[in-house]
Amino acid sequence: MRRRVKSKLGWRARESSLVWGAPMVLFPALALMPVTISLCLQPFFPHARLLGCVLMPFLVACIASGLSRLAECFRRDMDVISLFAGGTVVVLVVIAMTSGIILASAISD
């Protein structure tokens, strides 16, 4: 009898989670600060605050969904996929810290 190796399926599923999760985390995280400043804090057109309030939950939901996909990459031993997922999370933390500093300076002005 032949045994099937499940590691290739696990590898592909984890790779797919990384490929979909990283952009779902990083792009909305980069867009969160401009949306907040240009649409909510200093609106440029008449209904910008309404559009900003509608867009913010979608951006947060996309980040949360991407983080859940990245969490699937950490379910096995440390390998390249876990390293890239960890790097993506570190970049997300750096984006969040710099966005917080920039938003604080925008609010204080």
PDB file of N, CA and C in Angstrom:
ATOM      1  N   MET A   1       0.809  -1.173   0.000  1.00  0.00           N
ATOM      2  CA  MET A   1       0.000   0.000   0.000  1.00  0.00           C
ATOM      3  C   MET A   1       0.863   1.250   0.000  1.00  0.00           C
ATOM      4  N   ARG A   2       0.420   2.218  -0.747  1.00  0.00           N
ATOM      5  CA  ARG A   2       1.141   3.489  -0.804  1.00  0.00           C
ATOM      6  C   ARG A   2       0.550   4.460   0.208  1.00  0.00           C
ATOM      7  N   ARG A   3       1.411   5.191   0.803  1.00  0.00           N
ATOM      8  CA  ARG A   3       0.971   6.228   1.723  1.00  0.00           C
ATOM      9  C   ARG A   3       1.048   7.571   1.013  1.00  0.00           C
ATOM     10  N   ARG A   4       0.052   8.350   1.223  1.00  0.00           N
ATOM     11  CA  ARG A   4       0.077   9.693   0.648  1.00  0.00           C
ATOM     12  C   ARG A   4       0.732  10.657   1.622  1.00  0.00           C
ATOM     13  N   VAL A   5       1.498  11.539   1.076  1.00  0.00           N
ATOM     14  CA  VAL A   5       2.188  12.512   1.902  1.00  0.00           C
ATOM     15  C   VAL A   5       1.302  13.749   1.996  1.00  0.00           C
ATOM     16  N   LYS A   6       0.940  14.116   3.209  1.00  0.00           N
ATOM     17  CA  LYS A   6       0.077  15.270   3.414  1.00  0.00           C
ATOM     18  C   LYS A   6       0.849  16.572   3.532  1.00  0.00           C
ATOM     19  N   SER A   7       2.161  16.494   3.607  1.00  0.00           N
ATOM     20  CA  SER A   7       2.937  17.714   3.792  1.00  0.00           C
ATOM     21  C   SER A   7       2.877  18.621   2.575  1.00  0.00           C
ATOM     22  N   LYS A   8       2.759  18.070   1.381  1.00  0.00           N
ATOM     23  CA  LYS A   8       2.666  18.919   0.195  1.00  0.00           C
ATOM     24  C   LYS A   8       1.356  19.695   0.189  1.00  0.00           C
ATOM     25  N   LEU A   9       0.277  19.062   0.612  1.00  0.00           N
ATOM     26  CA  LEU A   9      -0.987  19.780   0.697  1.00  0.00           C
ATOM     27  C   LEU A   9      -0.914  20.857   1.771  1.00  0.00           C
ATOM     28  N   GLY A  10      -0.293  20.541   2.893  1.00  0.00           N
ATOM     29  CA  GLY A  10      -0.136  21.537   3.940  1.00  0.00           C
ATOM     30  C   GLY A  10       0.739  22.689   3.492  1.00  0.00           C
ATOM     31  N   TRP A  11       1.796  22.361   2.772  1.00  0.00           N
ATOM     32  CA  TRP A  11       2.695  23.392   2.259  1.00  0.00           C
ATOM     33  C   TRP A  11       1.963  24.314   1.292  1.00  0.00           C
ATOM     34  N   ARG A  12       1.197  23.731   0.390  1.00  0.00           N
ATOM     35  CA  ARG A  12       0.472  24.560  -0.585  1.00  0.00           C
ATOM     36  C   ARG A  12      -0.592  25.415   0.077  1.00  0.00           C
ATOM     37  N   ALA A  13      -1.278  24.853   1.057  1.00  0.00           N
ATOM     38  CA  ALA A  13      -2.302  25.629   1.759  1.00  0.00           C
ATOM     39  C   ALA A  13      -1.664  26.777   2.539  1.00  0.00           C
ATOM     40  N   ARG A  14      -0.543  26.523   3.180  1.00  0.00           N
ATOM     41  CA  ARG A  14       0.149  27.579   3.910  1.00  0.00           C
ATOM     42  C   ARG A  14       0.716  28.634   2.963  1.00  0.00           C
ATOM     43  N   GLU A  15       1.217  28.182   1.820  1.00  0.00           N
ATOM     44  CA  GLU A  15       1.727  29.127   0.820  1.00  0.00           C
ATOM     45  C   GLU A  15       0.601  29.996   0.277  1.00  0.00           C
ATOM     46  N   SER A  16      -0.538  29.396   0.035  1.00  0.00           N
ATOM     47  CA  SER A  16      -1.697  30.152  -0.428  1.00  0.00           C
ATOM     48  C   SER A  16      -2.155  31.159   0.630  1.00  0.00           C
ATOM     49  N   SER A  17      -2.124  30.747   1.884  1.00  0.00           N
ATOM     50  CA  SER A  17      -2.487  31.670   2.967  1.00  0.00           C
ATOM     51  C   SER A  17      -1.527  32.846   3.029  1.00  0.00           C
ATOM     52  N   LEU A  18      -0.249  32.592   2.804  1.00  0.00           N
ATOM     53  CA  LEU A  18       0.736  33.675   2.809  1.00  0.00           C
ATOM     54  C   LEU A  18       0.539  34.606   1.618  1.00  0.00           C
ATOM     55  N   VAL A  19       0.307  34.032   0.449  1.00  0.00           N
ATOM     56  CA  VAL A  19       0.152  34.839  -0.767  1.00  0.00           C
ATOM     57  C   VAL A  19      -1.086  35.727  -0.683  1.00  0.00           C
ATOM     58  N   TRP A  20      -2.148  35.232  -0.084  1.00  0.00           N
ATOM     59  CA  TRP A  20      -3.364  36.037   0.050  1.00  0.00           C
ATOM     60  C   TRP A  20      -3.336  36.908   1.298  1.00  0.00           C
ATOM     61  N   GLY A  21      -2.714  36.438   2.358  1.00  0.00           N
ATOM     62  CA  GLY A  21      -2.748  37.165   3.620  1.00  0.00           C
ATOM     63  C   GLY A  21      -1.867  38.396   3.656  1.00  0.00           C
ATOM     64  N   ALA A  22      -0.691  38.330   3.072  1.00  0.00           N
ATOM     65  CA  ALA A  22       0.241  39.465   3.130  1.00  0.00           C
ATOM     66  C   ALA A  22      -0.322  40.724   2.458  1.00  0.00           C
ATOM     67  N   PRO A  23      -0.849  40.635   1.243  1.00  0.00           N
ATOM     68  CA  PRO A  23      -1.436  41.858   0.664  1.00  0.00           C
ATOM     69  C   PRO A  23      -2.693  42.323   1.390  1.00  0.00           C
ATOM     70  N   MET A  24      -3.457  41.356   1.938  1.00  0.00           N
ATOM     71  CA  MET A  24      -4.669  41.737   2.660  1.00  0.00           C
ATOM     72  C   MET A  24      -4.341  42.448   3.965  1.00  0.00           C
ATOM     73  N   VAL A  25      -3.145  42.308   4.459  1.00  0.00           N
ATOM     74  CA  VAL A  25      -2.730  42.998   5.676  1.00  0.00           C
ATOM     75  C   VAL A  25      -2.030  44.311   5.343  1.00  0.00           C
ATOM     76  N   LEU A  26      -1.087  44.281   4.412  1.00  0.00           N
ATOM     77  CA  LEU A  26      -0.225  45.436   4.204  1.00  0.00           C
ATOM     78  C   LEU A  26      -0.894  46.573   3.431  1.00  0.00           C
ATOM     79  N   PHE A  27      -1.632  46.272   2.371  1.00  0.00           N
ATOM     80  CA  PHE A  27      -2.238  47.352   1.586  1.00  0.00           C
ATOM     81  C   PHE A  27      -3.290  48.142   2.365  1.00  0.00           C
ATOM     82  N   PRO A  28      -4.218  47.485   3.081  1.00  0.00           N
ATOM     83  CA  PRO A  28      -5.144  48.289   3.889  1.00  0.00           C
ATOM     84  C   PRO A  28      -4.457  49.015   5.043  1.00  0.00           C
ATOM     85  N   ALA A  29      -3.392  48.434   5.595  1.00  0.00           N
ATOM     86  CA  ALA A  29      -2.667  49.122   6.664  1.00  0.00           C
ATOM     87  C   ALA A  29      -2.009  50.395   6.129  1.00  0.00           C
ATOM     88  N   LEU A  30      -1.514  50.327   4.909  1.00  0.00           N
ATOM     89  CA  LEU A  30      -0.936  51.527   4.302  1.00  0.00           C
ATOM     90  C   LEU A  30      -2.007  52.546   3.917  1.00  0.00           C
ATOM     91  N   ALA A  31      -3.212  52.085   3.614  1.00  0.00           N
ATOM     92  CA  ALA A  31      -4.288  52.985   3.212  1.00  0.00           C
ATOM     93  C   ALA A  31      -5.045  53.564   4.395  1.00  0.00           C
ATOM     94  N   LEU A  32      -4.890  53.014   5.566  1.00  0.00           N
ATOM     95  CA  LEU A  32      -5.665  53.439   6.729  1.00  0.00           C
ATOM     96  C   LEU A  32      -5.361  54.883   7.134  1.00  0.00           C
ATOM     97  N   MET A  33      -4.109  55.270   7.123  1.00  0.00           N
ATOM     98  CA  MET A  33      -3.750  56.621   7.520  1.00  0.00           C
ATOM     99  C   MET A  33      -4.227  57.676   6.518  1.00  0.00           C
ATOM    100  N   PRO A  34      -4.006  57.513   5.211  1.00  0.00           N
ATOM    101  CA  PRO A  34      -4.529  58.531   4.285  1.00  0.00           C
ATOM    102  C   PRO A  34      -6.054  58.625   4.302  1.00  0.00           C
ATOM    103  N   VAL A  35      -6.722  57.496   4.464  1.00  0.00           N
ATOM    104  CA  VAL A  35      -8.189  57.529   4.536  1.00  0.00           C
ATOM    105  C   VAL A  35      -8.629  58.289   5.776  1.00  0.00           C
ATOM    106  N   THR A  36      -7.972  58.037   6.877  1.00  0.00           N
ATOM    107  CA  THR A  36      -8.348  58.714   8.123  1.00  0.00           C
ATOM    108  C   THR A  36      -8.104  60.211   8.041  1.00  0.00           C
ATOM    109  N   ILE A  37      -6.955  60.604   7.541  1.00  0.00           N
ATOM    110  CA  ILE A  37      -6.628  62.032   7.498  1.00  0.00           C
ATOM    111  C   ILE A  37      -7.432  62.753   6.429  1.00  0.00           C
ATOM    112  N   SER A  38      -7.442  62.231   5.201  1.00  0.00           N
ATOM    113  CA  SER A  38      -8.053  62.987   4.106  1.00  0.00           C
ATOM    114  C   SER A  38      -9.568  62.869   4.056  1.00  0.00           C
ATOM    115  N   LEU A  39     -10.135  61.838   4.652  1.00  0.00           N
ATOM    116  CA  LEU A  39     -11.583  61.696   4.597  1.00  0.00           C
ATOM    117  C   LEU A  39     -12.271  62.005   5.922  1.00  0.00           C
ATOM    118  N   CYS A  40     -11.650  61.662   7.034  1.00  0.00           N
ATOM    119  CA  CYS A  40     -12.333  61.846   8.326  1.00  0.00           C
ATOM    120  C   CYS A  40     -11.903  63.121   9.051  1.00  0.00           C
ATOM    121  N   LEU A  41     -10.607  63.360   9.164  1.00  0.00           N
ATOM    122  CA  LEU A  41     -10.140  64.500   9.949  1.00  0.00           C
ATOM    123  C   LEU A  41     -10.185  65.820   9.189  1.00  0.00           C
ATOM    124  N   GLN A  42      -9.731  65.812   7.956  1.00  0.00           N
ATOM    125  CA  GLN A  42      -9.729  67.022   7.140  1.00  0.00           C
ATOM    126  C   GLN A  42     -10.397  66.707   5.800  1.00  0.00           C
ATOM    127  N   PRO A  43     -11.721  66.657   5.763  1.00  0.00           N
ATOM    128  CA  PRO A  43     -12.415  66.224   4.535  1.00  0.00           C
ATOM    129  C   PRO A  43     -12.196  67.205   3.377  1.00  0.00           C
ATOM    130  N   PHE A  44     -12.022  66.617   2.187  1.00  0.00           N
ATOM    131  CA  PHE A  44     -11.742  67.417   1.002  1.00  0.00           C
ATOM    132  C   PHE A  44     -12.976  67.698   0.163  1.00  0.00           C
ATOM    133  N   PHE A  45     -14.028  66.936   0.333  1.00  0.00           N
ATOM    134  CA  PHE A  45     -15.264  67.162  -0.422  1.00  0.00           C
ATOM    135  C   PHE A  45     -16.442  66.958   0.517  1.00  0.00           C
ATOM    136  N   PRO A  46     -17.630  67.355   0.102  1.00  0.00           N
ATOM    137  CA  PRO A  46     -18.761  67.437   1.044  1.00  0.00           C
ATOM    138  C   PRO A  46     -19.092  66.158   1.824  1.00  0.00           C
ATOM    139  N   HIS A  47     -19.116  65.019   1.220  1.00  0.00           N
ATOM    140  CA  HIS A  47     -19.507  63.792   1.925  1.00  0.00           C
ATOM    141  C   HIS A  47     -18.310  62.886   2.208  1.00  0.00           C
ATOM    142  N   ALA A  48     -17.163  63.483   2.413  1.00  0.00           N
ATOM    143  CA  ALA A  48     -15.943  62.702   2.637  1.00  0.00           C
ATOM    144  C   ALA A  48     -15.981  61.967   3.971  1.00  0.00           C
ATOM    145  N   ARG A  49     -16.542  62.582   4.997  1.00  0.00           N
ATOM    146  CA  ARG A  49     -16.598  61.911   6.306  1.00  0.00           C
ATOM    147  C   ARG A  49     -17.482  60.679   6.257  1.00  0.00           C
ATOM    148  N   LEU A  50     -18.569  60.758   5.526  1.00  0.00           N
ATOM    149  CA  LEU A  50     -19.439  59.591   5.380  1.00  0.00           C
ATOM    150  C   LEU A  50     -18.700  58.471   4.646  1.00  0.00           C
ATOM    151  N   LEU A  51     -18.000  58.809   3.573  1.00  0.00           N
ATOM    152  CA  LEU A  51     -17.220  57.816   2.837  1.00  0.00           C
ATOM    153  C   LEU A  51     -16.107  57.231   3.710  1.00  0.00           C
ATOM    154  N   GLY A  52     -15.454  58.068   4.493  1.00  0.00           N
ATOM    155  CA  GLY A  52     -14.406  57.587   5.389  1.00  0.00           C
ATOM    156  C   GLY A  52     -14.950  56.652   6.455  1.00  0.00           C
ATOM    157  N   CYS A  53     -16.121  56.987   6.993  1.00  0.00           N
ATOM    158  CA  CYS A  53     -16.731  56.121   8.015  1.00  0.00           C
ATOM    159  C   CYS A  53     -17.209  54.807   7.425  1.00  0.00           C
ATOM    160  N   VAL A  54     -17.514  54.779   6.148  1.00  0.00           N
ATOM    161  CA  VAL A  54     -17.906  53.531   5.481  1.00  0.00           C
ATOM    162  C   VAL A  54     -16.670  52.700   5.133  1.00  0.00           C
ATOM    163  N   LEU A  55     -15.591  53.349   4.721  1.00  0.00           N
ATOM    164  CA  LEU A  55     -14.375  52.640   4.316  1.00  0.00           C
ATOM    165  C   LEU A  55     -13.583  52.063   5.486  1.00  0.00           C
ATOM    166  N   MET A  56     -13.595  52.729   6.622  1.00  0.00           N
ATOM    167  CA  MET A  56     -12.778  52.285   7.754  1.00  0.00           C
ATOM    168  C   MET A  56     -13.118  50.868   8.225  1.00  0.00           C
ATOM    169  N   PRO A  57     -14.387  50.497   8.400  1.00  0.00           N
ATOM    170  CA  PRO A  57     -14.662  49.105   8.814  1.00  0.00           C
ATOM    171  C   PRO A  57     -14.224  48.073   7.778  1.00  0.00           C
ATOM    172  N   PHE A  58     -14.321  48.419   6.498  1.00  0.00           N
ATOM    173  CA  PHE A  58     -13.869  47.494   5.461  1.00  0.00           C
ATOM    174  C   PHE A  58     -12.352  47.294   5.524  1.00  0.00           C
ATOM    175  N   LEU A  59     -11.614  48.361   5.754  1.00  0.00           N
ATOM    176  CA  LEU A  59     -10.166  48.242   5.877  1.00  0.00           C
ATOM    177  C   LEU A  59      -9.782  47.412   7.100  1.00  0.00           C
ATOM    178  N   VAL A  60     -10.448  47.653   8.215  1.00  0.00           N
ATOM    179  CA  VAL A  60     -10.152  46.900   9.439  1.00  0.00           C
ATOM    180  C   VAL A  60     -10.524  45.427   9.263  1.00  0.00           C
ATOM    181  N   ALA A  61     -11.650  45.150   8.604  1.00  0.00           N
ATOM    182  CA  ALA A  61     -12.056  43.760   8.362  1.00  0.00           C
ATOM    183  C   ALA A  61     -11.069  43.053   7.435  1.00  0.00           C
ATOM    184  N   CYS A  62     -10.555  43.770   6.445  1.00  0.00           N
ATOM    185  CA  CYS A  62      -9.576  43.184   5.529  1.00  0.00           C
ATOM    186  C   CYS A  62      -8.269  42.873   6.269  1.00  0.00           C
ATOM    187  N   ILE A  63      -7.851  43.761   7.156  1.00  0.00           N
ATOM    188  CA  ILE A  63      -6.638  43.511   7.944  1.00  0.00           C
ATOM    189  C   ILE A  63      -6.842  42.308   8.861  1.00  0.00           C
ATOM    190  N   ALA A  64      -7.998  42.224   9.491  1.00  0.00           N
ATOM    191  CA  ALA A  64      -8.274  41.102  10.392  1.00  0.00           C
ATOM    192  C   ALA A  64      -8.325  39.780   9.625  1.00  0.00           C
ATOM    193  N   SER A  65      -8.926  39.798   8.450  1.00  0.00           N
ATOM    194  CA  SER A  65      -8.979  38.586   7.635  1.00  0.00           C
ATOM    195  C   SER A  65      -7.589  38.178   7.158  1.00  0.00           C
ATOM    196  N   GLY A  66      -6.780  39.144   6.781  1.00  0.00           N
ATOM    197  CA  GLY A  66      -5.410  38.847   6.367  1.00  0.00           C
ATOM    198  C   GLY A  66      -4.568  38.306   7.508  1.00  0.00           C
ATOM    199  N   LEU A  67      -4.767  38.850   8.718  1.00  0.00           N
ATOM    200  CA  LEU A  67      -4.033  38.332   9.870  1.00  0.00           C
ATOM    201  C   LEU A  67      -4.441  36.904  10.210  1.00  0.00           C
ATOM    202  N   SER A  68      -5.711  36.587  10.018  1.00  0.00           N
ATOM    203  CA  SER A  68      -6.130  35.205  10.275  1.00  0.00           C
ATOM    204  C   SER A  68      -5.535  34.256   9.240  1.00  0.00           C
ATOM    205  N   ARG A  69      -5.386  34.726   8.020  1.00  0.00           N
ATOM    206  CA  ARG A  69      -4.709  33.898   7.009  1.00  0.00           C
ATOM    207  C   ARG A  69      -3.227  33.740   7.319  1.00  0.00           C
ATOM    208  N   LEU A  70      -2.599  34.815   7.798  1.00  0.00           N
ATOM    209  CA  LEU A  70      -1.186  34.714   8.164  1.00  0.00           C
ATOM    210  C   LEU A  70      -0.996  33.814   9.373  1.00  0.00           C
ATOM    211  N   ALA A  71      -1.966  33.757  10.259  1.00  0.00           N
ATOM    212  CA  ALA A  71      -1.858  32.883  11.435  1.00  0.00           C
ATOM    213  C   ALA A  71      -1.817  31.418  11.031  1.00  0.00           C
ATOM    214  N   GLU A  72      -2.421  31.073   9.902  1.00  0.00           N
ATOM    215  CA  GLU A  72      -2.366  29.695   9.413  1.00  0.00           C
ATOM    216  C   GLU A  72      -0.956  29.291   9.005  1.00  0.00           C
ATOM    217  N   CYS A  73      -0.119  30.257   8.700  1.00  0.00           N
ATOM    218  CA  CYS A  73       1.254  29.963   8.286  1.00  0.00           C
ATOM    219  C   CYS A  73       2.132  29.544   9.454  1.00  0.00           C
ATOM    220  N   PHE A  74       1.715  29.816  10.683  1.00  0.00           N
ATOM    221  CA  PHE A  74       2.530  29.503  11.861  1.00  0.00           C
ATOM    222  C   PHE A  74       2.153  28.173  12.502  1.00  0.00           C
ATOM    223  N   ARG A  75       1.366  27.357  11.860  1.00  0.00           N
ATOM    224  CA  ARG A  75       0.874  26.135  12.494  1.00  0.00           C
ATOM    225  C   ARG A  75       1.866  24.989  12.461  1.00  0.00           C
ATOM    226  N   ARG A  76       2.940  25.091  11.754  1.00  0.00           N
ATOM    227  CA  ARG A  76       3.937  24.022  11.664  1.00  0.00           C
ATOM    228  C   ARG A  76       5.275  24.513  12.200  1.00  0.00           C
ATOM    229  N   ASP A  77       6.295  23.722  11.987  1.00  0.00           N
ATOM    230  CA  ASP A  77       7.632  24.111  12.427  1.00  0.00           C
ATOM    231  C   ASP A  77       8.111  25.347  11.670  1.00  0.00           C
ATOM    232  N   MET A  78       9.177  25.930  12.176  1.00  0.00           N
ATOM    233  CA  MET A  78       9.737  27.131  11.560  1.00  0.00           C
ATOM    234  C   MET A  78      10.330  26.790  10.198  1.00  0.00           C
ATOM    235  N   ASP A  79       9.858  27.461   9.162  1.00  0.00           N
ATOM    236  CA  ASP A  79      10.390  27.295   7.815  1.00  0.00           C
ATOM    237  C   ASP A  79      10.287  28.631   7.100  1.00  0.00           C
ATOM    238  N   VAL A  80      10.458  28.609   5.793  1.00  0.00           N
ATOM    239  CA  VAL A  80      10.482  29.846   5.011  1.00  0.00           C
ATOM    240  C   VAL A  80       9.130  30.558   5.056  1.00  0.00           C
ATOM    241  N   ILE A  81       8.058  29.812   4.978  1.00  0.00           N
ATOM    242  CA  ILE A  81       6.728  30.429   4.993  1.00  0.00           C
ATOM    243  C   ILE A  81       6.479  31.104   6.336  1.00  0.00           C
ATOM    244  N   SER A  82       6.866  30.457   7.421  1.00  0.00           N
ATOM    245  CA  SER A  82       6.718  31.075   8.741  1.00  0.00           C
ATOM    246  C   SER A  82       7.585  32.328   8.855  1.00  0.00           C
ATOM    247  N   LEU A  83       8.767  32.303   8.267  1.00  0.00           N
ATOM    248  CA  LEU A  83       9.655  33.458   8.290  1.00  0.00           C
ATOM    249  C   LEU A  83       9.039  34.640   7.538  1.00  0.00           C
ATOM    250  N   PHE A  84       8.492  34.387   6.355  1.00  0.00           N
ATOM    251  CA  PHE A  84       7.867  35.461   5.585  1.00  0.00           C
ATOM    252  C   PHE A  84       6.606  35.986   6.263  1.00  0.00           C
ATOM    253  N   ALA A  85       5.832  35.104   6.873  1.00  0.00           N
ATOM    254  CA  ALA A  85       4.637  35.546   7.596  1.00  0.00           C
ATOM    255  C   ALA A  85       5.029  36.390   8.804  1.00  0.00           C
ATOM    256  N   GLY A  86       6.072  35.982   9.498  1.00  0.00           N
ATOM    257  CA  GLY A  86       6.562  36.771  10.629  1.00  0.00           C
ATOM    258  C   GLY A  86       7.091  38.122  10.188  1.00  0.00           C
ATOM    259  N   GLY A  87       7.785  38.148   9.061  1.00  0.00           N
ATOM    260  CA  GLY A  87       8.257  39.424   8.517  1.00  0.00           C
ATOM    261  C   GLY A  87       7.117  40.343   8.139  1.00  0.00           C
ATOM    262  N   THR A  88       6.045  39.778   7.612  1.00  0.00           N
ATOM    263  CA  THR A  88       4.861  40.568   7.267  1.00  0.00           C
ATOM    264  C   THR A  88       4.232  41.162   8.514  1.00  0.00           C
ATOM    265  N   VAL A  89       4.180  40.395   9.579  1.00  0.00           N
ATOM    266  CA  VAL A  89       3.615  40.901  10.832  1.00  0.00           C
ATOM    267  C   VAL A  89       4.503  42.001  11.414  1.00  0.00           C
ATOM    268  N   VAL A  90       5.809  41.857  11.308  1.00  0.00           N
ATOM    269  CA  VAL A  90       6.726  42.904  11.786  1.00  0.00           C
ATOM    270  C   VAL A  90       6.536  44.183  10.976  1.00  0.00           C
ATOM    271  N   VAL A  91       6.389  44.059   9.665  1.00  0.00           N
ATOM    272  CA  VAL A  91       6.145  45.239   8.826  1.00  0.00           C
ATOM    273  C   VAL A  91       4.806  45.882   9.200  1.00  0.00           C
ATOM    274  N   LEU A  92       3.793  45.073   9.499  1.00  0.00           N
ATOM    275  CA  LEU A  92       2.505  45.612   9.933  1.00  0.00           C
ATOM    276  C   LEU A  92       2.653  46.404  11.234  1.00  0.00           C
ATOM    277  N   VAL A  93       3.427  45.905  12.169  1.00  0.00           N
ATOM    278  CA  VAL A  93       3.637  46.610  13.433  1.00  0.00           C
ATOM    279  C   VAL A  93       4.353  47.938  13.189  1.00  0.00           C
ATOM    280  N   VAL A  94       5.340  47.950  12.310  1.00  0.00           N
ATOM    281  CA  VAL A  94       6.052  49.194  11.995  1.00  0.00           C
ATOM    282  C   VAL A  94       5.110  50.189  11.324  1.00  0.00           C
ATOM    283  N   ILE A  95       4.271  49.729  10.401  1.00  0.00           N
ATOM    284  CA  ILE A  95       3.301  50.606   9.751  1.00  0.00           C
ATOM    285  C   ILE A  95       2.328  51.163  10.780  1.00  0.00           C
ATOM    286  N   ALA A  96       1.867  50.331  11.703  1.00  0.00           N
ATOM    287  CA  ALA A  96       0.935  50.784  12.729  1.00  0.00           C
ATOM    288  C   ALA A  96       1.569  51.827  13.645  1.00  0.00           C
ATOM    289  N   MET A  97       2.827  51.630  14.013  1.00  0.00           N
ATOM    290  CA  MET A  97       3.497  52.599  14.883  1.00  0.00           C
ATOM    291  C   MET A  97       3.701  53.937  14.176  1.00  0.00           C
ATOM    292  N   THR A  98       4.164  53.899  12.948  1.00  0.00           N
ATOM    293  CA  THR A  98       4.383  55.164  12.234  1.00  0.00           C
ATOM    294  C   THR A  98       3.062  55.848  11.913  1.00  0.00           C
ATOM    295  N   SER A  99       2.041  55.071  11.611  1.00  0.00           N
ATOM    296  CA  SER A  99       0.725  55.673  11.362  1.00  0.00           C
ATOM    297  C   SER A  99       0.191  56.341  12.615  1.00  0.00           C
ATOM    298  N   GLY A 100       0.396  55.720  13.749  1.00  0.00           N
ATOM    299  CA  GLY A 100      -0.044  56.327  15.001  1.00  0.00           C
ATOM    300  C   GLY A 100       0.666  57.637  15.284  1.00  0.00           C
ATOM    301  N   ILE A 101       1.952  57.688  15.023  1.00  0.00           N
ATOM    302  CA  ILE A 101       2.712  58.924  15.247  1.00  0.00           C
ATOM    303  C   ILE A 101       2.246  60.015  14.291  1.00  0.00           C
ATOM    304  N   ILE A 102       2.041  59.670  13.034  1.00  0.00           N
ATOM    305  CA  ILE A 102       1.599  60.670  12.053  1.00  0.00           C
ATOM    306  C   ILE A 102       0.177  61.135  12.356  1.00  0.00           C
ATOM    307  N   LEU A 103      -0.707  60.222  12.745  1.00  0.00           N
ATOM    308  CA  LEU A 103      -2.067  60.622  13.106  1.00  0.00           C
ATOM    309  C   LEU A 103      -2.085  61.506  14.353  1.00  0.00           C
ATOM    310  N   ALA A 104      -1.218  61.211  15.314  1.00  0.00           N
ATOM    311  CA  ALA A 104      -1.140  62.049  16.500  1.00  0.00           C
ATOM    312  C   ALA A 104      -0.680  63.463  16.160  1.00  0.00           C
ATOM    313  N   SER A 105       0.280  63.579  15.246  1.00  0.00           N
ATOM    314  CA  SER A 105       0.727  64.918  14.845  1.00  0.00           C
ATOM    315  C   SER A 105      -0.325  65.626  14.008  1.00  0.00           C
ATOM    316  N   ALA A 106      -1.123  64.870  13.236  1.00  0.00           N
ATOM    317  CA  ALA A 106      -2.185  65.492  12.445  1.00  0.00           C
ATOM    318  C   ALA A 106      -3.325  65.969  13.334  1.00  0.00           C
ATOM    319  N   ILE A 107      -3.616  65.238  14.386  1.00  0.00           N
ATOM    320  CA  ILE A 107      -4.690  65.636  15.293  1.00  0.00           C
ATOM    321  C   ILE A 107      -4.262  66.828  16.139  1.00  0.00           C
ATOM    322  N   SER A 108      -2.996  66.876  16.523  1.00  0.00           N
ATOM    323  CA  SER A 108      -2.533  67.968  17.384  1.00  0.00           C
ATOM    324  C   SER A 108      -2.422  69.287  16.647  1.00  0.00           C
ATOM    325  N   ASP A 109      -2.350  69.287  15.335  1.00  0.00           N
ATOM    326  CA  ASP A 109      -2.240  70.545  14.573  1.00  0.00           C
ATOM    327  C   ASP A 109      -3.575  71.243  14.444  1.00  0.00           C
TER     328      ASP A 109
END
